[in-house]
Amino acid sequence: MIGPGEVPRLPRGVRVQPDRVRGGWVLLAPERAVTLDAVGQAILAEVDGSRSFGEICARLAAAFGAPEAQIAEDAGGFLSALRERLFLEVSP
């Protein structure tokens, strides 16, 4: 799990971009792609390499009117899965 003070970022060569063929968004990496749903896209839109995970959760909680603890659990699981697949890096 990602700690509240850790800063997630997309590594070099990984980017989020619109999928012009099917609509929606995709997370692209060399030789790999992941189709994002609206929740995944909203989470990754907050990942800028400077905001901590705690700041990201607070912004998402405010934007969606959801409890910050629930956002942290859901977003943490999503980002941890991306980290395991090398779509995401985390700095302390």
N, C-alpha and C. Protein backbone atom coordinates (compact mmCIF):
# COMPACT_ATOMS: atom_id res chain seq x y z
N MET A 1 0.85 -1.19 0.00
CA MET A 1 0.00 0.00 0.00
C MET A 1 0.89 1.25 0.00
N ILE A 2 0.38 2.29 -0.55
CA ILE A 2 1.11 3.55 -0.64
C ILE A 2 0.80 4.40 0.59
N GLY A 3 1.83 4.94 1.21
CA GLY A 3 1.65 5.77 2.40
C GLY A 3 1.21 7.18 2.05
N PRO A 4 0.58 7.89 2.99
CA PRO A 4 0.05 9.23 2.71
C PRO A 4 1.11 10.24 2.32
N GLY A 5 2.35 10.07 2.78
CA GLY A 5 3.41 11.02 2.44
C GLY A 5 4.18 10.67 1.18
N GLU A 6 3.92 9.51 0.62
CA GLU A 6 4.64 9.09 -0.58
C GLU A 6 4.06 9.78 -1.82
N VAL A 7 4.91 9.98 -2.81
CA VAL A 7 4.53 10.71 -4.02
C VAL A 7 4.54 9.76 -5.22
N PRO A 8 3.35 9.42 -5.74
CA PRO A 8 3.30 8.57 -6.93
C PRO A 8 3.57 9.39 -8.20
N ARG A 9 4.17 8.73 -9.19
CA ARG A 9 4.40 9.38 -10.48
C ARG A 9 4.45 8.32 -11.56
N LEU A 10 4.17 8.76 -12.77
CA LEU A 10 4.28 7.86 -13.91
C LEU A 10 5.74 7.83 -14.35
N PRO A 11 6.31 6.65 -14.54
CA PRO A 11 7.71 6.58 -14.97
C PRO A 11 7.87 7.05 -16.42
N ARG A 12 9.09 7.27 -16.79
CA ARG A 12 9.40 7.66 -18.16
C ARG A 12 8.81 6.62 -19.13
N GLY A 13 8.18 7.11 -20.16
CA GLY A 13 7.60 6.24 -21.17
C GLY A 13 6.17 5.80 -20.89
N VAL A 14 5.63 6.16 -19.73
CA VAL A 14 4.25 5.81 -19.37
C VAL A 14 3.42 7.08 -19.40
N ARG A 15 2.26 7.01 -20.02
CA ARG A 15 1.41 8.20 -20.11
C ARG A 15 -0.06 7.81 -20.20
N VAL A 16 -0.91 8.75 -19.83
CA VAL A 16 -2.36 8.60 -19.97
C VAL A 16 -2.76 9.41 -21.18
N GLN A 17 -3.55 8.79 -22.06
CA GLN A 17 -4.01 9.54 -23.22
C GLN A 17 -5.39 9.07 -23.64
N PRO A 18 -6.11 9.93 -24.36
CA PRO A 18 -7.45 9.54 -24.82
C PRO A 18 -7.35 8.41 -25.85
N ASP A 19 -8.32 7.51 -25.80
CA ASP A 19 -8.43 6.44 -26.79
C ASP A 19 -9.41 6.93 -27.84
N ARG A 20 -8.89 7.41 -28.94
CA ARG A 20 -9.73 8.02 -29.98
C ARG A 20 -10.59 7.00 -30.71
N VAL A 21 -10.19 5.75 -30.73
CA VAL A 21 -10.94 4.71 -31.44
C VAL A 21 -12.15 4.26 -30.64
N ARG A 22 -11.94 3.93 -29.37
CA ARG A 22 -13.03 3.40 -28.54
C ARG A 22 -13.62 4.42 -27.58
N GLY A 23 -13.02 5.60 -27.51
CA GLY A 23 -13.44 6.57 -26.51
C GLY A 23 -12.83 6.21 -25.17
N GLY A 24 -12.90 7.06 -24.24
CA GLY A 24 -12.33 6.81 -22.93
C GLY A 24 -10.85 7.13 -22.88
N TRP A 25 -10.16 6.52 -21.92
CA TRP A 25 -8.75 6.79 -21.68
C TRP A 25 -7.98 5.50 -21.57
N VAL A 26 -6.69 5.55 -21.92
CA VAL A 26 -5.80 4.41 -21.76
C VAL A 26 -4.52 4.84 -21.08
N LEU A 27 -3.93 3.92 -20.35
CA LEU A 27 -2.62 4.10 -19.75
C LEU A 27 -1.65 3.32 -20.63
N LEU A 28 -0.73 4.03 -21.26
CA LEU A 28 0.19 3.41 -22.20
C LEU A 28 1.59 3.33 -21.63
N ALA A 29 2.23 2.20 -21.86
CA ALA A 29 3.64 1.97 -21.52
C ALA A 29 4.23 1.20 -22.69
N PRO A 30 5.54 1.16 -22.80
CA PRO A 30 6.12 0.39 -23.90
C PRO A 30 5.61 -1.05 -23.92
N GLU A 31 5.03 -1.43 -25.04
CA GLU A 31 4.52 -2.79 -25.27
C GLU A 31 3.31 -3.17 -24.43
N ARG A 32 2.71 -2.20 -23.71
CA ARG A 32 1.57 -2.50 -22.85
C ARG A 32 0.58 -1.36 -22.85
N ALA A 33 -0.68 -1.71 -22.60
CA ALA A 33 -1.72 -0.69 -22.47
C ALA A 33 -2.80 -1.21 -21.52
N VAL A 34 -3.40 -0.28 -20.77
CA VAL A 34 -4.50 -0.60 -19.87
C VAL A 34 -5.62 0.39 -20.15
N THR A 35 -6.82 -0.13 -20.40
CA THR A 35 -7.98 0.73 -20.57
C THR A 35 -8.44 1.20 -19.20
N LEU A 36 -8.66 2.49 -19.06
CA LEU A 36 -9.05 3.07 -17.78
C LEU A 36 -10.55 3.34 -17.74
N ASP A 37 -11.18 3.03 -16.63
CA ASP A 37 -12.55 3.47 -16.43
C ASP A 37 -12.51 4.89 -15.87
N ALA A 38 -13.67 5.47 -15.64
CA ALA A 38 -13.73 6.86 -15.19
C ALA A 38 -13.03 7.05 -13.84
N VAL A 39 -13.12 6.07 -12.96
CA VAL A 39 -12.49 6.18 -11.65
C VAL A 39 -10.97 6.15 -11.79
N GLY A 40 -10.46 5.20 -12.56
CA GLY A 40 -9.02 5.12 -12.79
C GLY A 40 -8.46 6.38 -13.42
N GLN A 41 -9.20 6.92 -14.38
CA GLN A 41 -8.76 8.15 -15.04
C GLN A 41 -8.76 9.32 -14.06
N ALA A 42 -9.77 9.39 -13.19
CA ALA A 42 -9.84 10.47 -12.20
C ALA A 42 -8.66 10.39 -11.23
N ILE A 43 -8.32 9.18 -10.81
CA ILE A 43 -7.19 9.01 -9.89
C ILE A 43 -5.90 9.43 -10.57
N LEU A 44 -5.66 8.93 -11.78
CA LEU A 44 -4.41 9.23 -12.47
C LEU A 44 -4.31 10.70 -12.89
N ALA A 45 -5.45 11.36 -13.05
CA ALA A 45 -5.42 12.79 -13.38
C ALA A 45 -4.80 13.60 -12.24
N GLU A 46 -4.85 13.07 -11.02
CA GLU A 46 -4.27 13.75 -9.86
C GLU A 46 -2.80 13.42 -9.65
N VAL A 47 -2.31 12.38 -10.31
CA VAL A 47 -0.91 11.95 -10.16
C VAL A 47 -0.05 12.83 -11.06
N ASP A 48 0.67 13.77 -10.44
CA ASP A 48 1.49 14.71 -11.22
C ASP A 48 2.97 14.66 -10.86
N GLY A 49 3.33 13.75 -9.95
CA GLY A 49 4.72 13.63 -9.54
C GLY A 49 5.14 14.60 -8.45
N SER A 50 4.23 15.48 -8.03
CA SER A 50 4.56 16.41 -6.95
C SER A 50 3.59 16.29 -5.77
N ARG A 51 2.38 15.85 -6.00
CA ARG A 51 1.39 15.69 -4.92
C ARG A 51 1.62 14.36 -4.20
N SER A 52 1.52 14.41 -2.88
CA SER A 52 1.60 13.18 -2.10
C SER A 52 0.29 12.40 -2.25
N PHE A 53 0.36 11.13 -1.88
CA PHE A 53 -0.83 10.31 -1.94
C PHE A 53 -1.92 10.88 -1.03
N GLY A 54 -1.54 11.39 0.12
CA GLY A 54 -2.52 12.02 1.02
C GLY A 54 -3.20 13.22 0.38
N GLU A 55 -2.43 14.05 -0.32
CA GLU A 55 -3.00 15.21 -1.02
C GLU A 55 -3.94 14.76 -2.14
N ILE A 56 -3.55 13.73 -2.85
CA ILE A 56 -4.39 13.21 -3.93
C ILE A 56 -5.72 12.73 -3.36
N CYS A 57 -5.66 11.99 -2.27
CA CYS A 57 -6.89 11.48 -1.65
C CYS A 57 -7.79 12.62 -1.16
N ALA A 58 -7.20 13.65 -0.57
CA ALA A 58 -7.98 14.79 -0.10
C ALA A 58 -8.67 15.49 -1.26
N ARG A 59 -7.95 15.67 -2.37
CA ARG A 59 -8.54 16.33 -3.55
C ARG A 59 -9.68 15.49 -4.14
N LEU A 60 -9.48 14.18 -4.22
CA LEU A 60 -10.53 13.31 -4.76
C LEU A 60 -11.74 13.28 -3.83
N ALA A 61 -11.50 13.24 -2.52
CA ALA A 61 -12.61 13.24 -1.57
C ALA A 61 -13.44 14.51 -1.70
N ALA A 62 -12.75 15.65 -1.86
CA ALA A 62 -13.47 16.91 -2.02
C ALA A 62 -14.22 16.96 -3.35
N ALA A 63 -13.61 16.46 -4.40
CA ALA A 63 -14.24 16.52 -5.72
C ALA A 63 -15.46 15.61 -5.82
N PHE A 64 -15.41 14.46 -5.14
CA PHE A 64 -16.50 13.49 -5.28
C PHE A 64 -17.39 13.38 -4.05
N GLY A 65 -17.12 14.17 -3.02
CA GLY A 65 -17.95 14.14 -1.82
C GLY A 65 -17.96 12.78 -1.14
N ALA A 66 -16.81 12.13 -1.13
CA ALA A 66 -16.71 10.79 -0.53
C ALA A 66 -15.77 10.86 0.68
N PRO A 67 -15.92 9.92 1.60
CA PRO A 67 -15.02 9.90 2.76
C PRO A 67 -13.57 9.66 2.32
N GLU A 68 -12.66 10.44 2.88
CA GLU A 68 -11.26 10.34 2.49
C GLU A 68 -10.69 8.95 2.76
N ALA A 69 -11.12 8.31 3.84
CA ALA A 69 -10.63 6.96 4.15
C ALA A 69 -11.02 5.97 3.05
N GLN A 70 -12.23 6.09 2.53
CA GLN A 70 -12.68 5.20 1.46
C GLN A 70 -11.91 5.47 0.17
N ILE A 71 -11.68 6.75 -0.12
CA ILE A 71 -10.89 7.12 -1.30
C ILE A 71 -9.48 6.55 -1.17
N ALA A 72 -8.88 6.68 0.01
CA ALA A 72 -7.52 6.18 0.23
C ALA A 72 -7.45 4.67 0.02
N GLU A 73 -8.44 3.96 0.50
CA GLU A 73 -8.45 2.50 0.33
C GLU A 73 -8.57 2.12 -1.14
N ASP A 74 -9.53 2.73 -1.83
CA ASP A 74 -9.77 2.39 -3.24
C ASP A 74 -8.61 2.85 -4.14
N ALA A 75 -8.20 4.10 -3.98
CA ALA A 75 -7.12 4.64 -4.80
C ALA A 75 -5.81 3.94 -4.49
N GLY A 76 -5.59 3.62 -3.21
CA GLY A 76 -4.38 2.92 -2.82
C GLY A 76 -4.28 1.54 -3.45
N GLY A 77 -5.38 0.84 -3.49
CA GLY A 77 -5.40 -0.48 -4.14
C GLY A 77 -5.12 -0.38 -5.63
N PHE A 78 -5.73 0.60 -6.27
CA PHE A 78 -5.55 0.81 -7.71
C PHE A 78 -4.09 1.17 -8.02
N LEU A 79 -3.56 2.15 -7.29
CA LEU A 79 -2.19 2.59 -7.55
C LEU A 79 -1.17 1.52 -7.18
N SER A 80 -1.44 0.75 -6.14
CA SER A 80 -0.53 -0.34 -5.77
C SER A 80 -0.48 -1.40 -6.86
N ALA A 81 -1.62 -1.70 -7.46
CA ALA A 81 -1.65 -2.67 -8.56
C ALA A 81 -0.86 -2.15 -9.76
N LEU A 82 -0.99 -0.86 -10.05
CA LEU A 82 -0.20 -0.28 -11.14
C LEU A 82 1.28 -0.31 -10.82
N ARG A 83 1.61 -0.08 -9.56
CA ARG A 83 3.01 -0.11 -9.14
C ARG A 83 3.60 -1.51 -9.33
N GLU A 84 2.85 -2.53 -8.96
CA GLU A 84 3.31 -3.91 -9.12
C GLU A 84 3.56 -4.26 -10.59
N ARG A 85 2.78 -3.66 -11.47
CA ARG A 85 2.92 -3.93 -12.92
C ARG A 85 3.88 -2.94 -13.60
N LEU A 86 4.54 -2.12 -12.80
CA LEU A 86 5.55 -1.14 -13.27
C LEU A 86 4.97 -0.02 -14.14
N PHE A 87 3.70 0.29 -13.93
CA PHE A 87 3.08 1.44 -14.57
C PHE A 87 3.22 2.69 -13.69
N LEU A 88 3.74 2.54 -12.47
CA LEU A 88 3.79 3.63 -11.50
C LEU A 88 5.03 3.48 -10.64
N GLU A 89 5.63 4.61 -10.28
CA GLU A 89 6.73 4.66 -9.33
C GLU A 89 6.29 5.50 -8.15
N VAL A 90 6.90 5.26 -7.00
CA VAL A 90 6.55 6.01 -5.78
C VAL A 90 7.84 6.47 -5.11
N SER A 91 7.87 7.75 -4.75
CA SER A 91 9.00 8.32 -4.01
C SER A 91 8.58 8.55 -2.57
N PRO A 92 9.52 8.37 -1.63
CA PRO A 92 9.19 8.64 -0.22
C PRO A 92 9.00 10.12 0.05
